[in-house]
């Protein structure tokens, strides 16, 4: 087995990415403080053709060298927008018939592996602050809360890891439905 060279990876150009059919997923970052986590979310979103990222509250925005360091140019391909108020954004998205799902450990949360996305539905997936998580008011405003099953002693994943797990899971479920 031979590792592939970058030139063999069949990557989309930035223009082709912009024109590509997107996965019906929107990422909302609710007060994420780590610039490296933000960059990693951009990179994951690029990998799985996410429609858009909303950066809310204290979440930093590009251009920033520490975001760029982990995003590797994906801030130029993935659509993004800043919103000061996460709850206001959530209400706006709900009014556009977008289903809001917070990723959090909460009473009555559905385990990610049990969730089956609906056809022809766009989902906004909310990830929260590294310590405080998704704000309670945003959890309250969500249509649903998903939890990533964990079996060790910590029951805590880095937000960029959580995003990778959830986006991969939903991407595979949504693309296998087609």
Protein backbone atom coordinates (compact mmCIF):
# COMPACT_ATOMS: atom_id res chain seq x y z
CA UNK A 1 0.00 0.00 0.00
CA UNK A 2 1.32 3.44 -0.96
CA UNK A 3 0.38 6.75 0.61
CA UNK A 4 -1.18 9.16 -1.86
CA UNK A 5 0.50 12.42 -2.78
CA UNK A 6 -1.44 15.65 -2.35
CA UNK A 7 -1.66 15.90 -6.15
CA UNK A 8 -3.53 12.56 -6.21
CA UNK A 9 -6.28 13.53 -3.75
CA UNK A 10 -8.79 14.86 -6.32
CA UNK A 11 -9.38 18.05 -4.34
CA UNK A 12 -11.93 20.61 -5.42
CA UNK A 13 -10.71 24.04 -6.37
CA UNK A 14 -12.09 26.93 -4.31
CA UNK A 15 -14.42 27.82 -7.20
CA UNK A 16 -15.62 24.24 -7.57
CA UNK A 17 -16.22 24.06 -3.81
CA UNK A 18 -18.35 27.22 -3.92
CA UNK A 19 -20.45 25.71 -6.75
CA UNK A 20 -20.73 22.21 -5.24
CA UNK A 21 -24.00 20.93 -3.81
CA UNK A 22 -23.70 21.33 -0.06
CA UNK A 23 -24.67 19.01 2.76
CA UNK A 24 -27.80 20.50 4.42
CA UNK A 25 -25.86 21.33 7.59
CA UNK A 26 -25.12 24.69 9.18
CA UNK A 27 -22.68 24.94 12.09
CA UNK A 28 -23.32 27.46 14.87
CA UNK A 29 -20.48 28.18 17.29
CA UNK A 30 -21.92 29.59 20.52
CA UNK A 31 -19.14 31.53 22.28
CA UNK A 32 -16.27 29.22 21.34
CA UNK A 33 -13.10 30.82 22.67
CA UNK A 34 -10.26 28.75 21.16
CA UNK A 35 -9.01 30.04 17.83
CA UNK A 36 -7.57 26.61 17.03
CA UNK A 37 -10.98 24.99 17.63
CA UNK A 38 -12.59 27.55 15.31
CA UNK A 39 -10.04 26.78 12.59
CA UNK A 40 -10.58 23.06 13.03
CA UNK A 41 -14.36 23.49 12.64
CA UNK A 42 -13.74 25.34 9.37
CA UNK A 43 -11.56 22.48 8.13
CA UNK A 44 -14.14 19.84 9.08
CA UNK A 45 -16.87 21.92 7.44
CA UNK A 46 -14.84 22.11 4.23
CA UNK A 47 -14.21 18.36 4.25
CA UNK A 48 -17.94 17.54 4.40
CA UNK A 49 -19.34 20.41 2.27
CA UNK A 50 -21.18 22.16 5.12
CA UNK A 51 -23.42 25.00 3.91
CA UNK A 52 -22.31 27.69 6.35
CA UNK A 53 -20.76 28.45 9.73
CA UNK A 54 -22.13 31.09 12.09
CA UNK A 55 -19.62 32.48 14.57
CA UNK A 56 -21.49 33.90 17.57
CA UNK A 57 -20.75 35.97 20.66
CA UNK A 58 -17.09 35.84 21.72
CA UNK A 59 -16.23 33.44 18.88
CA UNK A 60 -13.43 35.06 16.88
CA UNK A 61 -13.67 35.57 13.14
CA UNK A 62 -11.21 35.28 10.28
CA UNK A 63 -8.77 36.59 9.35
CA UNK A 64 -6.65 35.59 12.33
CA UNK A 65 -3.32 33.75 12.22
CA UNK A 66 -4.35 31.17 14.85
CA UNK A 67 -7.61 30.37 13.05
CA UNK A 68 -5.71 30.17 9.76
CA UNK A 69 -3.11 27.83 11.27
CA UNK A 70 -5.68 25.04 11.73
CA UNK A 71 -8.18 26.05 9.02
CA UNK A 72 -5.53 25.70 6.27
CA UNK A 73 -7.39 28.02 3.90
CA UNK A 74 -10.90 26.67 4.52
CA UNK A 75 -12.00 30.11 5.76
CA UNK A 76 -11.82 31.04 2.07
CA UNK A 77 -14.06 28.19 0.91
CA UNK A 78 -16.71 27.70 3.61
CA UNK A 79 -19.32 30.44 3.84
CA UNK A 80 -19.39 32.07 7.27
CA UNK A 81 -21.02 34.95 9.05
CA UNK A 82 -20.72 36.60 12.45
CA UNK A 83 -23.76 37.03 14.72
CA UNK A 84 -23.42 38.78 18.08
CA UNK A 85 -26.46 37.10 19.63
CA UNK A 86 -26.72 33.31 19.30
CA UNK A 87 -30.33 33.18 20.47
CA UNK A 88 -31.39 35.83 17.96
CA UNK A 89 -29.69 33.84 15.20
CA UNK A 90 -31.41 30.64 16.34
CA UNK A 91 -34.81 32.33 16.13
CA UNK A 92 -33.98 33.66 12.64
CA UNK A 93 -32.93 30.19 11.46
CA UNK A 94 -36.06 28.61 12.96
CA UNK A 95 -38.18 31.15 11.05
CA UNK A 96 -36.47 29.86 7.89
CA UNK A 97 -37.63 26.29 8.67
CA UNK A 98 -34.17 25.16 9.72
CA UNK A 99 -34.14 22.53 12.48
CA UNK A 100 -31.96 23.53 15.43
CA UNK A 101 -29.98 20.81 17.18
CA UNK A 102 -27.71 21.55 20.13
CA UNK A 103 -24.90 19.11 20.87
CA UNK A 104 -24.90 18.88 24.64
CA UNK A 105 -25.28 16.59 27.60
CA UNK A 106 -28.84 17.29 28.72
CA UNK A 107 -31.82 15.57 30.25
CA UNK A 108 -33.76 13.75 27.52
CA UNK A 109 -31.02 14.27 24.93
CA UNK A 110 -31.04 11.76 22.09
CA UNK A 111 -27.88 9.77 21.53
CA UNK A 112 -26.26 10.67 18.23
CA UNK A 113 -26.25 7.06 17.01
CA UNK A 114 -30.06 6.91 17.47
CA UNK A 115 -30.76 10.09 15.49
CA UNK A 116 -32.09 9.72 11.94
CA UNK A 117 -32.21 13.01 10.02
CA UNK A 118 -35.28 13.81 7.94
CA UNK A 119 -35.04 14.11 4.18
CA UNK A 120 -35.20 17.58 2.64
CA UNK A 121 -34.40 19.24 5.95
CA UNK A 122 -31.57 21.60 6.78
CA UNK A 123 -30.09 21.30 10.26
CA UNK A 124 -28.23 23.93 12.25
CA UNK A 125 -25.93 22.14 14.68
CA UNK A 126 -24.92 24.21 17.71
CA UNK A 127 -21.63 23.65 19.51
CA UNK A 128 -20.78 25.60 22.64
CA UNK A 129 -18.10 27.11 24.80
CA UNK A 130 -15.26 24.76 25.75
CA UNK A 131 -16.13 24.83 29.48
CA UNK A 132 -19.74 26.03 29.71
CA UNK A 133 -21.10 24.28 26.63
CA UNK A 134 -24.12 25.52 24.69
CA UNK A 135 -25.95 28.22 26.66
CA UNK A 136 -29.11 27.03 28.42
CA UNK A 137 -31.26 29.56 26.55
CA UNK A 138 -30.05 28.15 23.23
CA UNK A 139 -30.63 24.59 24.43
CA UNK A 140 -34.17 25.65 25.42
CA UNK A 141 -34.76 27.15 21.96
CA UNK A 142 -33.50 24.05 20.12
CA UNK A 143 -35.78 21.56 18.44
CA UNK A 144 -33.63 18.76 19.76
CA UNK A 145 -30.48 17.99 21.73
CA UNK A 146 -28.04 15.33 20.60
CA UNK A 147 -25.43 13.76 22.84
CA UNK A 148 -22.34 11.88 21.71
CA UNK A 149 -22.24 8.56 23.59
CA UNK A 150 -19.13 8.30 25.78
CA UNK A 151 -18.07 5.38 27.91
CA UNK A 152 -14.94 6.43 29.81
CA UNK A 153 -14.40 8.46 32.95
CA UNK A 154 -14.33 12.02 31.54
CA UNK A 155 -17.47 12.35 29.40
CA UNK A 156 -15.93 15.41 27.84
CA UNK A 157 -14.70 15.91 24.28
CA UNK A 158 -12.96 18.90 22.74
CA UNK A 159 -15.40 20.96 20.67
CA UNK A 160 -13.43 20.37 17.46
CA UNK A 161 -13.53 16.61 18.09
CA UNK A 162 -17.27 16.79 18.85
CA UNK A 163 -17.84 18.70 15.63
CA UNK A 164 -15.90 16.13 13.62
CA UNK A 165 -17.87 13.25 15.10
CA UNK A 166 -21.29 14.86 14.65
CA UNK A 167 -20.67 16.25 11.16
CA UNK A 168 -19.27 12.92 9.94
CA UNK A 169 -22.20 11.03 11.43
CA UNK A 170 -24.82 13.35 9.92
CA UNK A 171 -22.99 13.55 6.58
CA UNK A 172 -22.99 9.77 6.24
CA UNK A 173 -26.65 9.48 7.27
CA UNK A 174 -27.71 12.27 4.91
CA UNK A 175 -25.69 11.04 1.93
CA UNK A 176 -26.72 7.42 2.43
CA UNK A 177 -30.38 8.50 2.33
CA UNK A 178 -30.00 9.90 -1.18
